[in-house]
């Protein structure tokens, strides 16, 4: 099990977030686990960028008004 605490500073505002990870790997040091976690989030961030550029995901307004209910009613 690993815990990662991230701190983000924007102007005068500081926010802290703690994330927990479970792994079956044993005998790995904190530096290696840190690299693995950063690598994973790098993939996630690149995928989000790709989906947004290719499919315009962030432009979707289904989350406004009754959009979600309308889409679920067709499922």
PDB file of N, CA and C in Angstrom:
ATOM      1  N   UNK A   1       0.850  -1.163   0.000  1.00  0.00           N
ATOM      2  CA  UNK A   1       0.000   0.000   0.000  1.00  0.00           C
ATOM      3  C   UNK A   1       0.900   1.231   0.000  1.00  0.00           C
ATOM      4  N   UNK A   2       0.485   2.250  -0.744  1.00  0.00           N
ATOM      5  CA  UNK A   2       1.248   3.495  -0.806  1.00  0.00           C
ATOM      6  C   UNK A   2       0.299   4.674  -0.675  1.00  0.00           C
ATOM      7  N   UNK A   3       0.762   5.728  -0.040  1.00  0.00           N
ATOM      8  CA  UNK A   3       0.002   6.972   0.073  1.00  0.00           C
ATOM      9  C   UNK A   3       0.822   8.070  -0.589  1.00  0.00           C
ATOM     10  N   UNK A   4       0.165   8.861  -1.420  1.00  0.00           N
ATOM     11  CA  UNK A   4       0.827   9.972  -2.090  1.00  0.00           C
ATOM     12  C   UNK A   4       0.093  11.246  -1.724  1.00  0.00           C
ATOM     13  N   UNK A   5       0.836  12.211  -1.223  1.00  0.00           N
ATOM     14  CA  UNK A   5       0.241  13.496  -0.875  1.00  0.00           C
ATOM     15  C   UNK A   5       0.740  14.533  -1.875  1.00  0.00           C
ATOM     16  N   UNK A   6      -0.194  15.198  -2.520  1.00  0.00           N
ATOM     17  CA  UNK A   6       0.130  16.211  -3.522  1.00  0.00           C
ATOM     18  C   UNK A   6      -0.310  17.567  -3.017  1.00  0.00           C
ATOM     19  N   UNK A   7       0.518  18.556  -3.296  1.00  0.00           N
ATOM     20  CA  UNK A   7       0.188  19.921  -2.899  1.00  0.00           C
ATOM     21  C   UNK A   7       0.207  20.797  -4.149  1.00  0.00           C
ATOM     22  N   UNK A   8      -0.811  21.615  -4.286  1.00  0.00           N
ATOM     23  CA  UNK A   8      -0.935  22.494  -5.446  1.00  0.00           C
ATOM     24  C   UNK A   8      -1.077  23.923  -4.939  1.00  0.00           C
ATOM     25  N   UNK A   9      -0.267  24.818  -5.483  1.00  0.00           N
ATOM     26  CA  UNK A   9      -0.294  26.219  -5.075  1.00  0.00           C
ATOM     27  C   UNK A   9      -0.655  27.068  -6.290  1.00  0.00           C
ATOM     28  N   UNK A  10      -1.764  27.793  -6.167  1.00  0.00           N
ATOM     29  CA  UNK A  10      -2.194  28.721  -7.217  1.00  0.00           C
ATOM     30  C   UNK A  10      -2.401  30.070  -6.539  1.00  0.00           C
ATOM     31  N   UNK A  11      -1.517  30.995  -6.846  1.00  0.00           N
ATOM     32  CA  UNK A  11      -1.582  32.293  -6.175  1.00  0.00           C
ATOM     33  C   UNK A  11      -1.354  32.114  -4.691  1.00  0.00           C
ATOM     34  N   UNK A  12      -2.313  32.567  -3.886  1.00  0.00           N
ATOM     35  CA  UNK A  12      -2.224  32.424  -2.428  1.00  0.00           C
ATOM     36  C   UNK A  12      -2.929  31.178  -1.915  1.00  0.00           C
ATOM     37  N   UNK A  13      -3.599  30.444  -2.798  1.00  0.00           N
ATOM     38  CA  UNK A  13      -4.390  29.285  -2.373  1.00  0.00           C
ATOM     39  C   UNK A  13      -3.553  28.001  -2.451  1.00  0.00           C
ATOM     40  N   UNK A  14      -3.541  27.262  -1.359  1.00  0.00           N
ATOM     41  CA  UNK A  14      -2.835  25.986  -1.294  1.00  0.00           C
ATOM     42  C   UNK A  14      -3.857  24.877  -1.077  1.00  0.00           C
ATOM     43  N   UNK A  15      -3.822  23.851  -1.935  1.00  0.00           N
ATOM     44  CA  UNK A  15      -4.710  22.708  -1.733  1.00  0.00           C
ATOM     45  C   UNK A  15      -3.857  21.445  -1.642  1.00  0.00           C
ATOM     46  N   UNK A  16      -4.269  20.540  -0.772  1.00  0.00           N
ATOM     47  CA  UNK A  16      -3.546  19.292  -0.555  1.00  0.00           C
ATOM     48  C   UNK A  16      -4.501  18.131  -0.781  1.00  0.00           C
ATOM     49  N   UNK A  17      -4.005  17.111  -1.448  1.00  0.00           N
ATOM     50  CA  UNK A  17      -4.811  15.926  -1.732  1.00  0.00           C
ATOM     51  C   UNK A  17      -3.986  14.682  -1.407  1.00  0.00           C
ATOM     52  N   UNK A  18      -4.605  13.705  -0.800  1.00  0.00           N
ATOM     53  CA  UNK A  18      -3.931  12.444  -0.489  1.00  0.00           C
ATOM     54  C   UNK A  18      -4.641  11.320  -1.229  1.00  0.00           C
ATOM     55  N   UNK A  19      -3.844  10.529  -1.953  1.00  0.00           N
ATOM     56  CA  UNK A  19      -4.378   9.383  -2.699  1.00  0.00           C
ATOM     57  C   UNK A  19      -3.689   8.114  -2.200  1.00  0.00           C
ATOM     58  N   UNK A  20      -4.446   7.036  -2.182  1.00  0.00           N
ATOM     59  CA  UNK A  20      -3.929   5.758  -1.714  1.00  0.00           C
ATOM     60  C   UNK A  20      -3.914   4.756  -2.861  1.00  0.00           C
ATOM     61  N   UNK A  21      -2.871   3.941  -2.903  1.00  0.00           N
ATOM     62  CA  UNK A  21      -2.712   2.943  -3.951  1.00  0.00           C
ATOM     63  C   UNK A  21      -2.444   1.594  -3.312  1.00  0.00           C
ATOM     64  N   UNK A  22      -3.030   0.554  -3.875  1.00  0.00           N
ATOM     65  CA  UNK A  22      -2.814  -0.811  -3.413  1.00  0.00           C
ATOM     66  C   UNK A  22      -2.094  -1.558  -4.523  1.00  0.00           C
ATOM     67  N   UNK A  23      -1.069  -2.292  -4.162  1.00  0.00           N
ATOM     68  CA  UNK A  23      -0.291  -3.027  -5.149  1.00  0.00           C
ATOM     69  C   UNK A  23       0.112  -4.380  -4.594  1.00  0.00           C
ATOM     70  N   UNK A  24       0.288  -5.337  -5.471  1.00  0.00           N
ATOM     71  CA  UNK A  24       0.774  -6.655  -5.061  1.00  0.00           C
ATOM     72  C   UNK A  24       2.295  -6.718  -5.109  1.00  0.00           C
ATOM     73  N   UNK A  25       2.951  -5.663  -5.560  1.00  0.00           N
ATOM     74  CA  UNK A  25       4.413  -5.632  -5.615  1.00  0.00           C
ATOM     75  C   UNK A  25       4.979  -5.503  -4.208  1.00  0.00           C
ATOM     76  N   UNK A  26       6.073  -6.185  -3.960  1.00  0.00           N
ATOM     77  CA  UNK A  26       6.705  -6.072  -2.649  1.00  0.00           C
ATOM     78  C   UNK A  26       8.185  -5.762  -2.824  1.00  0.00           C
ATOM     79  N   UNK A  27       8.770  -5.168  -1.803  1.00  0.00           N
ATOM     80  CA  UNK A  27      10.200  -4.869  -1.836  1.00  0.00           C
ATOM     81  C   UNK A  27      10.576  -3.726  -2.756  1.00  0.00           C
ATOM     82  N   UNK A  28       9.637  -2.837  -3.065  1.00  0.00           N
ATOM     83  CA  UNK A  28       9.924  -1.702  -3.956  1.00  0.00           C
ATOM     84  C   UNK A  28      10.030  -0.444  -3.110  1.00  0.00           C
ATOM     85  N   UNK A  29      11.032   0.369  -3.414  1.00  0.00           N
ATOM     86  CA  UNK A  29      11.234   1.585  -2.624  1.00  0.00           C
ATOM     87  C   UNK A  29      10.289   2.705  -3.069  1.00  0.00           C
ATOM     88  N   UNK A  30      10.209   3.739  -2.243  1.00  0.00           N
ATOM     89  CA  UNK A  30       9.277   4.849  -2.484  1.00  0.00           C
ATOM     90  C   UNK A  30       9.567   5.560  -3.800  1.00  0.00           C
ATOM     91  N   UNK A  31      10.825   5.708  -4.153  1.00  0.00           N
ATOM     92  CA  UNK A  31      11.180   6.398  -5.399  1.00  0.00           C
ATOM     93  C   UNK A  31      10.625   5.654  -6.614  1.00  0.00           C
ATOM     94  N   UNK A  32      10.751   4.339  -6.621  1.00  0.00           N
ATOM     95  CA  UNK A  32      10.247   3.531  -7.741  1.00  0.00           C
ATOM     96  C   UNK A  32       8.726   3.599  -7.806  1.00  0.00           C
ATOM     97  N   UNK A  33       8.074   3.466  -6.658  1.00  0.00           N
ATOM     98  CA  UNK A  33       6.599   3.555  -6.643  1.00  0.00           C
ATOM     99  C   UNK A  33       6.164   4.928  -7.136  1.00  0.00           C
ATOM    100  N   UNK A  34       6.858   5.986  -6.718  1.00  0.00           N
ATOM    101  CA  UNK A  34       6.540   7.343  -7.172  1.00  0.00           C
ATOM    102  C   UNK A  34       6.640   7.474  -8.680  1.00  0.00           C
ATOM    103  N   UNK A  35       7.686   6.906  -9.261  1.00  0.00           N
ATOM    104  CA  UNK A  35       7.841   6.945 -10.729  1.00  0.00           C
ATOM    105  C   UNK A  35       6.700   6.196 -11.417  1.00  0.00           C
ATOM    106  N   UNK A  36       6.328   5.049 -10.867  1.00  0.00           N
ATOM    107  CA  UNK A  36       5.241   4.256 -11.456  1.00  0.00           C
ATOM    108  C   UNK A  36       3.919   5.020 -11.408  1.00  0.00           C
ATOM    109  N   UNK A  37       3.645   5.670 -10.292  1.00  0.00           N
ATOM    110  CA  UNK A  37       2.391   6.409 -10.149  1.00  0.00           C
ATOM    111  C   UNK A  37       2.368   7.613 -11.087  1.00  0.00           C
ATOM    112  N   UNK A  38       3.479   8.352 -11.157  1.00  0.00           N
ATOM    113  CA  UNK A  38       3.540   9.499 -12.081  1.00  0.00           C
ATOM    114  C   UNK A  38       3.395   9.049 -13.523  1.00  0.00           C
ATOM    115  N   UNK A  39       3.987   7.917 -13.855  1.00  0.00           N
ATOM    116  CA  UNK A  39       3.874   7.376 -15.208  1.00  0.00           C
ATOM    117  C   UNK A  39       2.420   7.043 -15.532  1.00  0.00           C
ATOM    118  N   UNK A  40       1.722   6.426 -14.583  1.00  0.00           N
ATOM    119  CA  UNK A  40       0.308   6.088 -14.788  1.00  0.00           C
ATOM    120  C   UNK A  40      -0.513   7.348 -15.042  1.00  0.00           C
ATOM    121  N   UNK A  41      -0.327   8.383 -14.221  1.00  0.00           N
ATOM    122  CA  UNK A  41      -1.119   9.601 -14.393  1.00  0.00           C
ATOM    123  C   UNK A  41      -0.741  10.335 -15.669  1.00  0.00           C
ATOM    124  N   UNK A  42       0.500  10.185 -16.128  1.00  0.00           N
ATOM    125  CA  UNK A  42       0.885  10.766 -17.415  1.00  0.00           C
ATOM    126  C   UNK A  42       0.067  10.169 -18.545  1.00  0.00           C
ATOM    127  N   UNK A  43      -0.143   8.853 -18.488  1.00  0.00           N
ATOM    128  CA  UNK A  43      -0.967   8.171 -19.495  1.00  0.00           C
ATOM    129  C   UNK A  43      -2.406   8.663 -19.407  1.00  0.00           C
ATOM    130  N   UNK A  44      -2.949   8.759 -18.189  1.00  0.00           N
ATOM    131  CA  UNK A  44      -4.319   9.240 -18.001  1.00  0.00           C
ATOM    132  C   UNK A  44      -4.494  10.642 -18.579  1.00  0.00           C
ATOM    133  N   UNK A  45      -3.552  11.520 -18.283  1.00  0.00           N
ATOM    134  CA  UNK A  45      -3.663  12.900 -18.761  1.00  0.00           C
ATOM    135  C   UNK A  45      -3.562  12.990 -20.275  1.00  0.00           C
ATOM    136  N   UNK A  46      -2.682  12.213 -20.882  1.00  0.00           N
ATOM    137  CA  UNK A  46      -2.555  12.218 -22.344  1.00  0.00           C
ATOM    138  C   UNK A  46      -3.825  11.671 -22.991  1.00  0.00           C
ATOM    139  N   UNK A  47      -4.409  10.645 -22.379  1.00  0.00           N
ATOM    140  CA  UNK A  47      -5.639  10.074 -22.922  1.00  0.00           C
ATOM    141  C   UNK A  47      -6.765  11.095 -22.859  1.00  0.00           C
ATOM    142  N   UNK A  48      -6.878  11.806 -21.739  1.00  0.00           N
ATOM    143  CA  UNK A  48      -7.927  12.817 -21.624  1.00  0.00           C
ATOM    144  C   UNK A  48      -7.756  13.886 -22.698  1.00  0.00           C
ATOM    145  N   UNK A  49      -6.518  14.335 -22.910  1.00  0.00           N
ATOM    146  CA  UNK A  49      -6.267  15.355 -23.922  1.00  0.00           C
ATOM    147  C   UNK A  49      -6.679  14.834 -25.294  1.00  0.00           C
ATOM    148  N   UNK A  50      -6.319  13.592 -25.582  1.00  0.00           N
ATOM    149  CA  UNK A  50      -6.654  12.995 -26.872  1.00  0.00           C
ATOM    150  C   UNK A  50      -8.171  12.894 -27.056  1.00  0.00           C
ATOM    151  N   UNK A  51      -8.881  12.442 -26.025  1.00  0.00           N
ATOM    152  CA  UNK A  51     -10.341  12.335 -26.123  1.00  0.00           C
ATOM    153  C   UNK A  51     -10.987  13.706 -26.296  1.00  0.00           C
ATOM    154  N   UNK A  52     -10.452  14.695 -25.602  1.00  0.00           N
ATOM    155  CA  UNK A  52     -11.033  16.022 -25.701  1.00  0.00           C
ATOM    156  C   UNK A  52     -10.813  16.616 -27.089  1.00  0.00           C
ATOM    157  N   UNK A  53      -9.613  16.453 -27.625  1.00  0.00           N
ATOM    158  CA  UNK A  53      -9.311  17.010 -28.942  1.00  0.00           C
ATOM    159  C   UNK A  53     -10.048  16.240 -30.038  1.00  0.00           C
ATOM    160  N   UNK A  54     -10.041  14.917 -29.944  1.00  0.00           N
ATOM    161  CA  UNK A  54     -10.660  14.093 -30.993  1.00  0.00           C
ATOM    162  C   UNK A  54     -12.184  14.112 -30.955  1.00  0.00           C
ATOM    163  N   UNK A  55     -12.734  14.036 -29.742  1.00  0.00           N
ATOM    164  CA  UNK A  55     -14.178  13.877 -29.615  1.00  0.00           C
ATOM    165  C   UNK A  55     -14.871  15.078 -28.984  1.00  0.00           C
ATOM    166  N   UNK A  56     -14.111  16.097 -28.599  1.00  0.00           N
ATOM    167  CA  UNK A  56     -14.713  17.281 -28.004  1.00  0.00           C
ATOM    168  C   UNK A  56     -15.441  16.977 -26.702  1.00  0.00           C
ATOM    169  N   UNK A  57     -14.883  16.049 -25.900  1.00  0.00           N
ATOM    170  CA  UNK A  57     -15.537  15.628 -24.666  1.00  0.00           C
ATOM    171  C   UNK A  57     -15.898  16.794 -23.748  1.00  0.00           C
ATOM    172  N   UNK A  58     -14.997  17.753 -23.607  1.00  0.00           N
ATOM    173  CA  UNK A  58     -15.257  18.861 -22.687  1.00  0.00           C
ATOM    174  C   UNK A  58     -16.351  19.795 -23.197  1.00  0.00           C
ATOM    175  N   UNK A  59     -16.652  19.725 -24.493  1.00  0.00           N
ATOM    176  CA  UNK A  59     -17.707  20.573 -25.049  1.00  0.00           C
ATOM    177  C   UNK A  59     -19.099  19.970 -24.837  1.00  0.00           C
ATOM    178  N   UNK A  60     -19.153  18.715 -24.415  1.00  0.00           N
ATOM    179  CA  UNK A  60     -20.433  18.044 -24.202  1.00  0.00           C
ATOM    180  C   UNK A  60     -21.159  18.695 -23.029  1.00  0.00           C
ATOM    181  N   UNK A  61     -22.395  19.103 -23.234  1.00  0.00           N
ATOM    182  CA  UNK A  61     -23.169  19.781 -22.192  1.00  0.00           C
ATOM    183  C   UNK A  61     -24.244  18.887 -21.599  1.00  0.00           C
ATOM    184  N   UNK A  62     -24.066  17.575 -21.733  1.00  0.00           N
ATOM    185  CA  UNK A  62     -25.060  16.629 -21.237  1.00  0.00           C
ATOM    186  C   UNK A  62     -25.232  16.733 -19.729  1.00  0.00           C
ATOM    187  N   UNK A  63     -24.248  17.310 -19.044  1.00  0.00           N
ATOM    188  CA  UNK A  63     -24.313  17.423 -17.580  1.00  0.00           C
ATOM    189  C   UNK A  63     -25.159  18.613 -17.137  1.00  0.00           C
ATOM    190  N   UNK A  64     -25.608  19.437 -18.073  1.00  0.00           N
ATOM    191  CA  UNK A  64     -26.419  20.607 -17.728  1.00  0.00           C
ATOM    192  C   UNK A  64     -27.907  20.291 -17.841  1.00  0.00           C
ATOM    193  N   UNK A  65     -28.670  20.936 -17.020  1.00  0.00           N
ATOM    194  CA  UNK A  65     -30.129  20.763 -17.083  1.00  0.00           C
ATOM    195  C   UNK A  65     -30.528  19.329 -16.844  1.00  0.00           C
ATOM    196  N   UNK A  66     -31.373  18.783 -17.729  1.00  0.00           N
ATOM    197  CA  UNK A  66     -31.869  17.418 -17.596  1.00  0.00           C
ATOM    198  C   UNK A  66     -31.178  16.471 -18.577  1.00  0.00           C
ATOM    199  N   UNK A  67     -30.027  16.877 -19.089  1.00  0.00           N
ATOM    200  CA  UNK A  67     -29.317  16.075 -20.090  1.00  0.00           C
ATOM    201  C   UNK A  67     -29.035  14.652 -19.657  1.00  0.00           C
ATOM    202  N   UNK A  68     -28.520  14.474 -18.436  1.00  0.00           N
ATOM    203  CA  UNK A  68     -28.180  13.127 -17.963  1.00  0.00           C
ATOM    204  C   UNK A  68     -29.423  12.249 -17.874  1.00  0.00           C
ATOM    205  N   UNK A  69     -30.508  12.799 -17.357  1.00  0.00           N
ATOM    206  CA  UNK A  69     -31.747  12.029 -17.254  1.00  0.00           C
ATOM    207  C   UNK A  69     -32.268  11.654 -18.642  1.00  0.00           C
ATOM    208  N   UNK A  70     -32.166  12.563 -19.596  1.00  0.00           N
ATOM    209  CA  UNK A  70     -32.637  12.286 -20.938  1.00  0.00           C
ATOM    210  C   UNK A  70     -31.828  11.177 -21.586  1.00  0.00           C
ATOM    211  N   UNK A  71     -30.503  11.179 -21.416  1.00  0.00           N
ATOM    212  CA  UNK A  71     -29.669  10.148 -22.016  1.00  0.00           C
ATOM    213  C   UNK A  71     -29.934   8.800 -21.354  1.00  0.00           C
ATOM    214  N   UNK A  72     -30.074   8.777 -20.033  1.00  0.00           N
ATOM    215  CA  UNK A  72     -30.308   7.516 -19.336  1.00  0.00           C
ATOM    216  C   UNK A  72     -31.665   6.920 -19.693  1.00  0.00           C
ATOM    217  N   UNK A  73     -32.616   7.726 -20.069  1.00  0.00           N
ATOM    218  CA  UNK A  73     -33.932   7.194 -20.386  1.00  0.00           C
ATOM    219  C   UNK A  73     -33.914   6.373 -21.690  1.00  0.00           C
ATOM    220  N   UNK A  74     -32.883   6.547 -22.516  1.00  0.00           N
ATOM    221  CA  UNK A  74     -32.778   5.785 -23.767  1.00  0.00           C
ATOM    222  C   UNK A  74     -31.992   4.503 -23.582  1.00  0.00           C
ATOM    223  N   UNK A  75     -31.334   4.336 -22.435  1.00  0.00           N
ATOM    224  CA  UNK A  75     -30.470   3.158 -22.219  1.00  0.00           C
ATOM    225  C   UNK A  75     -31.281   1.907 -22.004  1.00  0.00           C
TER     226      UNK A  75
END
